[in-house]
Amino acid sequence: MGEYWAELENNHHYVLVDSEHARTYYCPAQEASNTLARILNQKNKIIRNLKSKNLKVYEITRNSKHVAYVLDEELAKEFCMDHEDCSYNLIKISESFQELANQI
């Protein structure tokens, strides 16, 4: 997994550099660019840790929208019993990395 960082471009705006997908994204402010880089790097760190431990991860959805990723199936089950239009599914981290990245 690649890293993310902020760079000043053309002395007037910042870009978020994405070495994971070999792309850059325009960001109007340095603070926004640095915050996004920090969030994405933290996400990659969490996913690496989960993959190395071979943990089961469940995604909770409600009204067909992502709610949370949890490690405890009982927690997912209880949450869904208390909320309408809720479901949870076991996900495979290695196959779902791009989906996770797009939702963050």
PDB file of N, CA and C in Angstrom:
ATOM      1  N   MET A   1       0.846  -1.174   0.000  1.00  0.00           N
ATOM      2  CA  MET A   1       0.000   0.000   0.000  1.00  0.00           C
ATOM      3  C   MET A   1       0.888   1.233   0.000  1.00  0.00           C
ATOM      4  N   GLY A   2       0.533   2.194  -0.808  1.00  0.00           N
ATOM      5  CA  GLY A   2       1.298   3.408  -0.914  1.00  0.00           C
ATOM      6  C   GLY A   2       1.009   4.387   0.199  1.00  0.00           C
ATOM      7  N   GLU A   3       1.706   5.466   0.144  1.00  0.00           N
ATOM      8  CA  GLU A   3       1.527   6.534   1.128  1.00  0.00           C
ATOM      9  C   GLU A   3       0.883   7.742   0.455  1.00  0.00           C
ATOM     10  N   TYR A   4       0.379   8.640   1.284  1.00  0.00           N
ATOM     11  CA  TYR A   4      -0.234   9.885   0.828  1.00  0.00           C
ATOM     12  C   TYR A   4       0.484  11.044   1.509  1.00  0.00           C
ATOM     13  N   TRP A   5       0.650  12.163   0.804  1.00  0.00           N
ATOM     14  CA  TRP A   5       1.217  13.358   1.401  1.00  0.00           C
ATOM     15  C   TRP A   5       0.762  14.583   0.624  1.00  0.00           C
ATOM     16  N   ALA A   6       0.921  15.752   1.244  1.00  0.00           N
ATOM     17  CA  ALA A   6       0.524  17.019   0.624  1.00  0.00           C
ATOM     18  C   ALA A   6       1.749  17.705   0.028  1.00  0.00           C
ATOM     19  N   GLU A   7       1.562  18.332  -1.116  1.00  0.00           N
ATOM     20  CA  GLU A   7       2.634  19.104  -1.754  1.00  0.00           C
ATOM     21  C   GLU A   7       2.073  20.408  -2.292  1.00  0.00           C
ATOM     22  N   LEU A   8       2.872  21.462  -2.176  1.00  0.00           N
ATOM     23  CA  LEU A   8       2.519  22.751  -2.770  1.00  0.00           C
ATOM     24  C   LEU A   8       2.800  22.658  -4.266  1.00  0.00           C
ATOM     25  N   GLU A   9       1.824  23.069  -5.071  1.00  0.00           N
ATOM     26  CA  GLU A   9       1.990  23.006  -6.516  1.00  0.00           C
ATOM     27  C   GLU A   9       1.810  24.398  -7.102  1.00  0.00           C
ATOM     28  N   ASN A  10       2.725  24.806  -7.950  1.00  0.00           N
ATOM     29  CA  ASN A  10       2.678  26.106  -8.629  1.00  0.00           C
ATOM     30  C   ASN A  10       2.575  27.278  -7.647  1.00  0.00           C
ATOM     31  N   ASN A  11       3.068  27.108  -6.444  1.00  0.00           N
ATOM     32  CA  ASN A  11       3.120  28.156  -5.421  1.00  0.00           C
ATOM     33  C   ASN A  11       1.774  28.777  -5.069  1.00  0.00           C
ATOM     34  N   HIS A  12       0.667  28.103  -5.389  1.00  0.00           N
ATOM     35  CA  HIS A  12      -0.602  28.714  -5.018  1.00  0.00           C
ATOM     36  C   HIS A  12      -1.682  27.720  -4.584  1.00  0.00           C
ATOM     37  N   HIS A  13      -1.524  26.437  -4.801  1.00  0.00           N
ATOM     38  CA  HIS A  13      -2.491  25.476  -4.262  1.00  0.00           C
ATOM     39  C   HIS A  13      -1.780  24.169  -3.922  1.00  0.00           C
ATOM     40  N   TYR A  14      -2.467  23.353  -3.155  1.00  0.00           N
ATOM     41  CA  TYR A  14      -1.896  22.086  -2.712  1.00  0.00           C
ATOM     42  C   TYR A  14      -2.529  20.923  -3.457  1.00  0.00           C
ATOM     43  N   VAL A  15      -1.765  19.849  -3.550  1.00  0.00           N
ATOM     44  CA  VAL A  15      -2.278  18.611  -4.106  1.00  0.00           C
ATOM     45  C   VAL A  15      -2.028  17.504  -3.089  1.00  0.00           C
ATOM     46  N   LEU A  16      -2.909  16.548  -3.085  1.00  0.00           N
ATOM     47  CA  LEU A  16      -2.734  15.342  -2.296  1.00  0.00           C
ATOM     48  C   LEU A  16      -2.094  14.325  -3.230  1.00  0.00           C
ATOM     49  N   VAL A  17      -0.895  13.889  -2.894  1.00  0.00           N
ATOM     50  CA  VAL A  17      -0.182  12.926  -3.721  1.00  0.00           C
ATOM     51  C   VAL A  17      -0.556  11.527  -3.241  1.00  0.00           C
ATOM     52  N   ASP A  18      -0.986  10.700  -4.167  1.00  0.00           N
ATOM     53  CA  ASP A  18      -1.439   9.339  -3.885  1.00  0.00           C
ATOM     54  C   ASP A  18      -0.481   8.374  -4.573  1.00  0.00           C
ATOM     55  N   SER A  19       0.518   7.888  -3.837  1.00  0.00           N
ATOM     56  CA  SER A  19       1.466   6.948  -4.446  1.00  0.00           C
ATOM     57  C   SER A  19       0.856   5.558  -4.581  1.00  0.00           C
ATOM     58  N   GLU A  20      -0.248   5.316  -3.891  1.00  0.00           N
ATOM     59  CA  GLU A  20      -0.927   4.023  -3.970  1.00  0.00           C
ATOM     60  C   GLU A  20      -1.521   3.799  -5.359  1.00  0.00           C
ATOM     61  N   HIS A  21      -2.111   4.857  -5.930  1.00  0.00           N
ATOM     62  CA  HIS A  21      -2.747   4.751  -7.241  1.00  0.00           C
ATOM     63  C   HIS A  21      -2.059   5.629  -8.293  1.00  0.00           C
ATOM     64  N   ALA A  22      -0.906   6.189  -7.935  1.00  0.00           N
ATOM     65  CA  ALA A  22      -0.116   7.032  -8.844  1.00  0.00           C
ATOM     66  C   ALA A  22      -0.941   8.195  -9.407  1.00  0.00           C
ATOM     67  N   ARG A  23      -1.576   8.940  -8.489  1.00  0.00           N
ATOM     68  CA  ARG A  23      -2.407  10.081  -8.889  1.00  0.00           C
ATOM     69  C   ARG A  23      -2.179  11.245  -7.944  1.00  0.00           C
ATOM     70  N   THR A  24      -2.631  12.414  -8.352  1.00  0.00           N
ATOM     71  CA  THR A  24      -2.667  13.576  -7.469  1.00  0.00           C
ATOM     72  C   THR A  24      -4.072  14.163  -7.513  1.00  0.00           C
ATOM     73  N   TYR A  25      -4.460  14.811  -6.408  1.00  0.00           N
ATOM     74  CA  TYR A  25      -5.791  15.405  -6.311  1.00  0.00           C
ATOM     75  C   TYR A  25      -5.650  16.838  -5.819  1.00  0.00           C
ATOM     76  N   TYR A  26      -6.321  17.747  -6.468  1.00  0.00           N
ATOM     77  CA  TYR A  26      -6.294  19.154  -6.089  1.00  0.00           C
ATOM     78  C   TYR A  26      -6.945  19.366  -4.732  1.00  0.00           C
ATOM     79  N   CYS A  27      -6.287  20.127  -3.879  1.00  0.00           N
ATOM     80  CA  CYS A  27      -6.844  20.527  -2.583  1.00  0.00           C
ATOM     81  C   CYS A  27      -6.629  22.030  -2.444  1.00  0.00           C
ATOM     82  N   PRO A  28      -7.663  22.779  -2.127  1.00  0.00           N
ATOM     83  CA  PRO A  28      -7.522  24.233  -2.077  1.00  0.00           C
ATOM     84  C   PRO A  28      -6.695  24.749  -0.904  1.00  0.00           C
ATOM     85  N   ALA A  29      -6.507  23.941   0.134  1.00  0.00           N
ATOM     86  CA  ALA A  29      -5.809  24.442   1.319  1.00  0.00           C
ATOM     87  C   ALA A  29      -4.832  23.398   1.855  1.00  0.00           C
ATOM     88  N   GLN A  30      -3.770  23.889   2.455  1.00  0.00           N
ATOM     89  CA  GLN A  30      -2.755  23.008   3.020  1.00  0.00           C
ATOM     90  C   GLN A  30      -3.335  22.143   4.144  1.00  0.00           C
ATOM     91  N   GLU A  31      -4.138  22.736   5.005  1.00  0.00           N
ATOM     92  CA  GLU A  31      -4.712  21.996   6.128  1.00  0.00           C
ATOM     93  C   GLU A  31      -5.589  20.836   5.638  1.00  0.00           C
ATOM     94  N   ALA A  32      -6.403  21.092   4.619  1.00  0.00           N
ATOM     95  CA  ALA A  32      -7.271  20.037   4.072  1.00  0.00           C
ATOM     96  C   ALA A  32      -6.429  18.916   3.474  1.00  0.00           C
ATOM     97  N   SER A  33      -5.400  19.273   2.729  1.00  0.00           N
ATOM     98  CA  SER A  33      -4.545  18.279   2.099  1.00  0.00           C
ATOM     99  C   SER A  33      -3.822  17.425   3.143  1.00  0.00           C
ATOM    100  N   ASN A  34      -3.284  18.064   4.174  1.00  0.00           N
ATOM    101  CA  ASN A  34      -2.589  17.325   5.239  1.00  0.00           C
ATOM    102  C   ASN A  34      -3.559  16.434   6.012  1.00  0.00           C
ATOM    103  N   THR A  35      -4.761  16.916   6.271  1.00  0.00           N
ATOM    104  CA  THR A  35      -5.762  16.123   6.999  1.00  0.00           C
ATOM    105  C   THR A  35      -6.153  14.894   6.199  1.00  0.00           C
ATOM    106  N   LEU A  36      -6.410  15.063   4.902  1.00  0.00           N
ATOM    107  CA  LEU A  36      -6.760  13.918   4.059  1.00  0.00           C
ATOM    108  C   LEU A  36      -5.625  12.903   3.998  1.00  0.00           C
ATOM    109  N   ALA A  37      -4.397  13.372   3.877  1.00  0.00           N
ATOM    110  CA  ALA A  37      -3.244  12.465   3.847  1.00  0.00           C
ATOM    111  C   ALA A  37      -3.169  11.671   5.145  1.00  0.00           C
ATOM    112  N   ARG A  38      -3.358  12.333   6.275  1.00  0.00           N
ATOM    113  CA  ARG A  38      -3.302  11.660   7.579  1.00  0.00           C
ATOM    114  C   ARG A  38      -4.397  10.600   7.699  1.00  0.00           C
ATOM    115  N   ILE A  39      -5.610  10.938   7.278  1.00  0.00           N
ATOM    116  CA  ILE A  39      -6.733   9.994   7.350  1.00  0.00           C
ATOM    117  C   ILE A  39      -6.466   8.769   6.470  1.00  0.00           C
ATOM    118  N   LEU A  40      -6.020   8.994   5.254  1.00  0.00           N
ATOM    119  CA  LEU A  40      -5.774   7.882   4.331  1.00  0.00           C
ATOM    120  C   LEU A  40      -4.611   7.009   4.787  1.00  0.00           C
ATOM    121  N   ASN A  41      -3.563   7.615   5.326  1.00  0.00           N
ATOM    122  CA  ASN A  41      -2.448   6.822   5.841  1.00  0.00           C
ATOM    123  C   ASN A  41      -2.873   6.000   7.051  1.00  0.00           C
ATOM    124  N   GLN A  42      -3.722   6.564   7.909  1.00  0.00           N
ATOM    125  CA  GLN A  42      -4.236   5.831   9.062  1.00  0.00           C
ATOM    126  C   GLN A  42      -5.097   4.650   8.606  1.00  0.00           C
ATOM    127  N   LYS A  43      -5.930   4.888   7.579  1.00  0.00           N
ATOM    128  CA  LYS A  43      -6.750   3.813   7.020  1.00  0.00           C
ATOM    129  C   LYS A  43      -5.877   2.669   6.529  1.00  0.00           C
ATOM    130  N   ASN A  44      -4.812   2.985   5.804  1.00  0.00           N
ATOM    131  CA  ASN A  44      -3.901   1.950   5.306  1.00  0.00           C
ATOM    132  C   ASN A  44      -3.248   1.190   6.453  1.00  0.00           C
ATOM    133  N   LYS A  45      -2.884   1.892   7.505  1.00  0.00           N
ATOM    134  CA  LYS A  45      -2.259   1.253   8.670  1.00  0.00           C
ATOM    135  C   LYS A  45      -3.231   0.264   9.317  1.00  0.00           C
ATOM    136  N   ILE A  46      -4.477   0.664   9.483  1.00  0.00           N
ATOM    137  CA  ILE A  46      -5.486  -0.211  10.083  1.00  0.00           C
ATOM    138  C   ILE A  46      -5.700  -1.446   9.212  1.00  0.00           C
ATOM    139  N   ILE A  47      -5.809  -1.257   7.913  1.00  0.00           N
ATOM    140  CA  ILE A  47      -6.028  -2.385   7.001  1.00  0.00           C
ATOM    141  C   ILE A  47      -4.833  -3.334   7.025  1.00  0.00           C
ATOM    142  N   ARG A  48      -3.610  -2.807   7.036  1.00  0.00           N
ATOM    143  CA  ARG A  48      -2.419  -3.667   7.129  1.00  0.00           C
ATOM    144  C   ARG A  48      -2.457  -4.493   8.408  1.00  0.00           C
ATOM    145  N   ASN A  49      -2.819  -3.856   9.524  1.00  0.00           N
ATOM    146  CA  ASN A  49      -2.892  -4.572  10.799  1.00  0.00           C
ATOM    147  C   ASN A  49      -3.948  -5.670  10.763  1.00  0.00           C
ATOM    148  N   LEU A  50      -5.107  -5.378  10.197  1.00  0.00           N
ATOM    149  CA  LEU A  50      -6.167  -6.376  10.103  1.00  0.00           C
ATOM    150  C   LEU A  50      -5.744  -7.548   9.221  1.00  0.00           C
ATOM    151  N   LYS A  51      -5.105  -7.246   8.089  1.00  0.00           N
ATOM    152  CA  LYS A  51      -4.676  -8.303   7.187  1.00  0.00           C
ATOM    153  C   LYS A  51      -3.621  -9.188   7.838  1.00  0.00           C
ATOM    154  N   SER A  52      -2.709  -8.584   8.603  1.00  0.00           N
ATOM    155  CA  SER A  52      -1.633  -9.365   9.222  1.00  0.00           C
ATOM    156  C   SER A  52      -2.151 -10.275  10.325  1.00  0.00           C
ATOM    157  N   LYS A  53      -3.271  -9.932  10.921  1.00  0.00           N
ATOM    158  CA  LYS A  53      -3.831 -10.729  12.015  1.00  0.00           C
ATOM    159  C   LYS A  53      -4.898 -11.706  11.531  1.00  0.00           C
ATOM    160  N   ASN A  54      -5.243 -11.657  10.252  1.00  0.00           N
ATOM    161  CA  ASN A  54      -6.281 -12.526   9.687  1.00  0.00           C
ATOM    162  C   ASN A  54      -7.574 -12.475  10.489  1.00  0.00           C
ATOM    163  N   LEU A  55      -7.987 -11.288  10.854  1.00  0.00           N
ATOM    164  CA  LEU A  55      -9.215 -11.113  11.623  1.00  0.00           C
ATOM    165  C   LEU A  55     -10.427 -11.104  10.698  1.00  0.00           C
ATOM    166  N   LYS A  56     -11.559 -11.486  11.237  1.00  0.00           N
ATOM    167  CA  LYS A  56     -12.808 -11.376  10.504  1.00  0.00           C
ATOM    168  C   LYS A  56     -13.361  -9.974  10.728  1.00  0.00           C
ATOM    169  N   VAL A  57     -13.745  -9.341   9.647  1.00  0.00           N
ATOM    170  CA  VAL A  57     -14.284  -7.980   9.702  1.00  0.00           C
ATOM    171  C   VAL A  57     -15.687  -8.004   9.102  1.00  0.00           C
ATOM    172  N   TYR A  58     -16.610  -7.357   9.805  1.00  0.00           N
ATOM    173  CA  TYR A  58     -17.998  -7.287   9.357  1.00  0.00           C
ATOM    174  C   TYR A  58     -18.343  -5.852   9.006  1.00  0.00           C
ATOM    175  N   GLU A  59     -19.059  -5.689   7.897  1.00  0.00           N
ATOM    176  CA  GLU A  59     -19.544  -4.364   7.523  1.00  0.00           C
ATOM    177  C   GLU A  59     -21.024  -4.284   7.875  1.00  0.00           C
ATOM    178  N   ILE A  60     -21.380  -3.228   8.599  1.00  0.00           N
ATOM    179  CA  ILE A  60     -22.777  -2.973   8.917  1.00  0.00           C
ATOM    180  C   ILE A  60     -23.292  -1.946   7.914  1.00  0.00           C
ATOM    181  N   THR A  61     -24.453  -2.236   7.322  1.00  0.00           N
ATOM    182  CA  THR A  61     -25.090  -1.285   6.417  1.00  0.00           C
ATOM    183  C   THR A  61     -26.512  -1.032   6.901  1.00  0.00           C
ATOM    184  N   ARG A  62     -26.971   0.169   6.628  1.00  0.00           N
ATOM    185  CA  ARG A  62     -28.337   0.540   6.997  1.00  0.00           C
ATOM    186  C   ARG A  62     -28.904   1.372   5.863  1.00  0.00           C
ATOM    187  N   ASN A  63     -30.082   0.998   5.395  1.00  0.00           N
ATOM    188  CA  ASN A  63     -30.681   1.650   4.221  1.00  0.00           C
ATOM    189  C   ASN A  63     -29.705   1.626   3.047  1.00  0.00           C
ATOM    190  N   SER A  64     -29.017   0.503   2.890  1.00  0.00           N
ATOM    191  CA  SER A  64     -28.033   0.277   1.818  1.00  0.00           C
ATOM    192  C   SER A  64     -26.841   1.214   1.876  1.00  0.00           C
ATOM    193  N   LYS A  65     -26.586   1.854   3.023  1.00  0.00           N
ATOM    194  CA  LYS A  65     -25.445   2.761   3.177  1.00  0.00           C
ATOM    195  C   LYS A  65     -24.514   2.217   4.258  1.00  0.00           C
ATOM    196  N   HIS A  66     -23.219   2.406   4.045  1.00  0.00           N
ATOM    197  CA  HIS A  66     -22.216   1.953   5.006  1.00  0.00           C
ATOM    198  C   HIS A  66     -22.410   2.649   6.352  1.00  0.00           C
ATOM    199  N   VAL A  67     -22.336   1.886   7.438  1.00  0.00           N
ATOM    200  CA  VAL A  67     -22.420   2.437   8.787  1.00  0.00           C
ATOM    201  C   VAL A  67     -21.078   2.279   9.491  1.00  0.00           C
ATOM    202  N   ALA A  68     -20.551   1.037   9.503  1.00  0.00           N
ATOM    203  CA  ALA A  68     -19.312   0.795  10.241  1.00  0.00           C
ATOM    204  C   ALA A  68     -18.702  -0.540   9.847  1.00  0.00           C
ATOM    205  N   TYR A  69     -17.415  -0.660  10.144  1.00  0.00           N
ATOM    206  CA  TYR A  69     -16.721  -1.933  10.082  1.00  0.00           C
ATOM    207  C   TYR A  69     -16.447  -2.338  11.515  1.00  0.00           C
ATOM    208  N   VAL A  70     -16.773  -3.569  11.880  1.00  0.00           N
ATOM    209  CA  VAL A  70     -16.563  -4.049  13.243  1.00  0.00           C
ATOM    210  C   VAL A  70     -15.922  -5.428  13.208  1.00  0.00           C
ATOM    211  N   LEU A  71     -15.245  -5.775  14.296  1.00  0.00           N
ATOM    212  CA  LEU A  71     -14.606  -7.083  14.406  1.00  0.00           C
ATOM    213  C   LEU A  71     -15.481  -8.089  15.145  1.00  0.00           C
ATOM    214  N   ASP A  72     -16.508  -7.622  15.813  1.00  0.00           N
ATOM    215  CA  ASP A  72     -17.346  -8.453  16.662  1.00  0.00           C
ATOM    216  C   ASP A  72     -18.688  -8.721  15.985  1.00  0.00           C
ATOM    217  N   GLU A  73     -18.928  -9.976  15.602  1.00  0.00           N
ATOM    218  CA  GLU A  73     -20.180 -10.308  14.923  1.00  0.00           C
ATOM    219  C   GLU A  73     -21.392 -10.095  15.832  1.00  0.00           C
ATOM    220  N   GLU A  74     -21.238 -10.350  17.117  1.00  0.00           N
ATOM    221  CA  GLU A  74     -22.349 -10.142  18.050  1.00  0.00           C
ATOM    222  C   GLU A  74     -22.753  -8.669  18.108  1.00  0.00           C
ATOM    223  N   LEU A  75     -21.776  -7.782  18.090  1.00  0.00           N
ATOM    224  CA  LEU A  75     -22.059  -6.342  18.077  1.00  0.00           C
ATOM    225  C   LEU A  75     -22.831  -5.972  16.813  1.00  0.00           C
ATOM    226  N   ALA A  76     -22.390  -6.488  15.676  1.00  0.00           N
ATOM    227  CA  ALA A  76     -23.080  -6.219  14.409  1.00  0.00           C
ATOM    228  C   ALA A  76     -24.509  -6.733  14.458  1.00  0.00           C
ATOM    229  N   LYS A  77     -24.681  -7.940  14.985  1.00  0.00           N
ATOM    230  CA  LYS A  77     -26.009  -8.550  15.078  1.00  0.00           C
ATOM    231  C   LYS A  77     -26.924  -7.726  15.986  1.00  0.00           C
ATOM    232  N   GLU A  78     -26.410  -7.325  17.158  1.00  0.00           N
ATOM    233  CA  GLU A  78     -27.211  -6.521  18.091  1.00  0.00           C
ATOM    234  C   GLU A  78     -27.596  -5.176  17.494  1.00  0.00           C
ATOM    235  N   PHE A  79     -26.656  -4.522  16.827  1.00  0.00           N
ATOM    236  CA  PHE A  79     -26.946  -3.237  16.201  1.00  0.00           C
ATOM    237  C   PHE A  79     -28.070  -3.393  15.184  1.00  0.00           C
ATOM    238  N   CYS A  80     -27.977  -4.412  14.368  1.00  0.00           N
ATOM    239  CA  CYS A  80     -28.983  -4.605  13.323  1.00  0.00           C
ATOM    240  C   CYS A  80     -30.338  -5.007  13.885  1.00  0.00           C
ATOM    241  N   MET A  81     -30.356  -5.680  15.018  1.00  0.00           N
ATOM    242  CA  MET A  81     -31.635  -6.032  15.640  1.00  0.00           C
ATOM    243  C   MET A  81     -32.346  -4.792  16.169  1.00  0.00           C
ATOM    244  N   ASP A  82     -31.566  -3.754  16.532  1.00  0.00           N
ATOM    245  CA  ASP A  82     -32.130  -2.533  17.098  1.00  0.00           C
ATOM    246  C   ASP A  82     -32.481  -1.475  16.063  1.00  0.00           C
ATOM    247  N   HIS A  83     -32.110  -1.686  14.804  1.00  0.00           N
ATOM    248  CA  HIS A  83     -32.332  -0.668  13.770  1.00  0.00           C
ATOM    249  C   HIS A  83     -33.015  -1.285  12.546  1.00  0.00           C
ATOM    250  N   GLU A  84     -33.913  -0.514  11.956  1.00  0.00           N
ATOM    251  CA  GLU A  84     -34.615  -0.961  10.759  1.00  0.00           C
ATOM    252  C   GLU A  84     -33.694  -0.919   9.543  1.00  0.00           C
ATOM    253  N   ASP A  85     -34.020  -1.716   8.550  1.00  0.00           N
ATOM    254  CA  ASP A  85     -33.282  -1.748   7.279  1.00  0.00           C
ATOM    255  C   ASP A  85     -31.777  -1.869   7.492  1.00  0.00           C
ATOM    256  N   CYS A  86     -31.379  -2.751   8.395  1.00  0.00           N
ATOM    257  CA  CYS A  86     -29.983  -2.916   8.742  1.00  0.00           C
ATOM    258  C   CYS A  86     -29.547  -4.345   8.431  1.00  0.00           C
ATOM    259  N   SER A  87     -28.308  -4.483   7.978  1.00  0.00           N
ATOM    260  CA  SER A  87     -27.742  -5.813   7.759  1.00  0.00           C
ATOM    261  C   SER A  87     -26.238  -5.744   7.969  1.00  0.00           C
ATOM    262  N   TYR A  88     -25.628  -6.901   8.096  1.00  0.00           N
ATOM    263  CA  TYR A  88     -24.170  -6.961   8.203  1.00  0.00           C
ATOM    264  C   TYR A  88     -23.672  -8.160   7.415  1.00  0.00           C
ATOM    265  N   ASN A  89     -22.435  -8.045   6.928  1.00  0.00           N
ATOM    266  CA  ASN A  89     -21.828  -9.109   6.136  1.00  0.00           C
ATOM    267  C   ASN A  89     -20.358  -9.223   6.466  1.00  0.00           C
ATOM    268  N   LEU A  90     -19.846 -10.431   6.404  1.00  0.00           N
ATOM    269  CA  LEU A  90     -18.415 -10.666   6.540  1.00  0.00           C
ATOM    270  C   LEU A  90     -17.739 -10.171   5.269  1.00  0.00           C
ATOM    271  N   ILE A  91     -16.670  -9.415   5.419  1.00  0.00           N
ATOM    272  CA  ILE A  91     -15.939  -8.940   4.240  1.00  0.00           C
ATOM    273  C   ILE A  91     -14.524  -9.491   4.273  1.00  0.00           C
ATOM    274  N   LYS A  92     -13.931  -9.574   3.118  1.00  0.00           N
ATOM    275  CA  LYS A  92     -12.534  -9.992   3.014  1.00  0.00           C
ATOM    276  C   LYS A  92     -11.721  -8.740   2.736  1.00  0.00           C
ATOM    277  N   ILE A  93     -10.816  -8.407   3.633  1.00  0.00           N
ATOM    278  CA  ILE A  93     -10.032  -7.182   3.509  1.00  0.00           C
ATOM    279  C   ILE A  93      -9.269  -7.143   2.196  1.00  0.00           C
ATOM    280  N   SER A  94      -8.619  -8.225   1.823  1.00  0.00           N
ATOM    281  CA  SER A  94      -7.801  -8.197   0.613  1.00  0.00           C
ATOM    282  C   SER A  94      -8.617  -7.912  -0.640  1.00  0.00           C
ATOM    283  N   GLU A  95      -9.849  -8.404  -0.706  1.00  0.00           N
ATOM    284  CA  GLU A  95     -10.690  -8.183  -1.877  1.00  0.00           C
ATOM    285  C   GLU A  95     -11.444  -6.865  -1.807  1.00  0.00           C
ATOM    286  N   SER A  96     -11.545  -6.292  -0.637  1.00  0.00           N
ATOM    287  CA  SER A  96     -12.388  -5.114  -0.473  1.00  0.00           C
ATOM    288  C   SER A  96     -11.602  -3.835  -0.256  1.00  0.00           C
ATOM    289  N   PHE A  97     -10.294  -3.856  -0.453  1.00  0.00           N
ATOM    290  CA  PHE A  97      -9.498  -2.669  -0.163  1.00  0.00           C
ATOM    291  C   PHE A  97      -9.976  -1.462  -0.947  1.00  0.00           C
ATOM    292  N   GLN A  98     -10.195  -1.605  -2.241  1.00  0.00           N
ATOM    293  CA  GLN A  98     -10.616  -0.462  -3.048  1.00  0.00           C
ATOM    294  C   GLN A  98     -11.968   0.068  -2.592  1.00  0.00           C
ATOM    295  N   GLU A  99     -12.882  -0.840  -2.259  1.00  0.00           N
ATOM    296  CA  GLU A  99     -14.192  -0.422  -1.766  1.00  0.00           C
ATOM    297  C   GLU A  99     -14.047   0.365  -0.451  1.00  0.00           C
ATOM    298  N   LEU A 100     -13.182  -0.109   0.442  1.00  0.00           N
ATOM    299  CA  LEU A 100     -12.947   0.607   1.693  1.00  0.00           C
ATOM    300  C   LEU A 100     -12.397   1.997   1.422  1.00  0.00           C
ATOM    301  N   ALA A 101     -11.440   2.069   0.541  1.00  0.00           N
ATOM    302  CA  ALA A 101     -10.812   3.354   0.235  1.00  0.00           C
ATOM    303  C   ALA A 101     -11.817   4.343  -0.334  1.00  0.00           C
ATOM    304  N   ASN A 102     -12.719   3.873  -1.174  1.00  0.00           N
ATOM    305  CA  ASN A 102     -13.700   4.758  -1.781  1.00  0.00           C
ATOM    306  C   ASN A 102     -14.730   5.278  -0.794  1.00  0.00           C
ATOM    307  N   GLN A 103     -14.946   4.547   0.305  1.00  0.00           N
ATOM    308  CA  GLN A 103     -15.956   4.943   1.272  1.00  0.00           C
ATOM    309  C   GLN A 103     -15.424   5.871   2.336  1.00  0.00           C
ATOM    310  N   ILE A 104     -14.154   6.014   2.421  1.00  0.00           N
ATOM    311  CA  ILE A 104     -13.584   6.877   3.471  1.00  0.00           C
ATOM    312  C   ILE A 104     -13.497   8.304   2.981  1.00  0.00           C
TER     313      ILE A 104
END
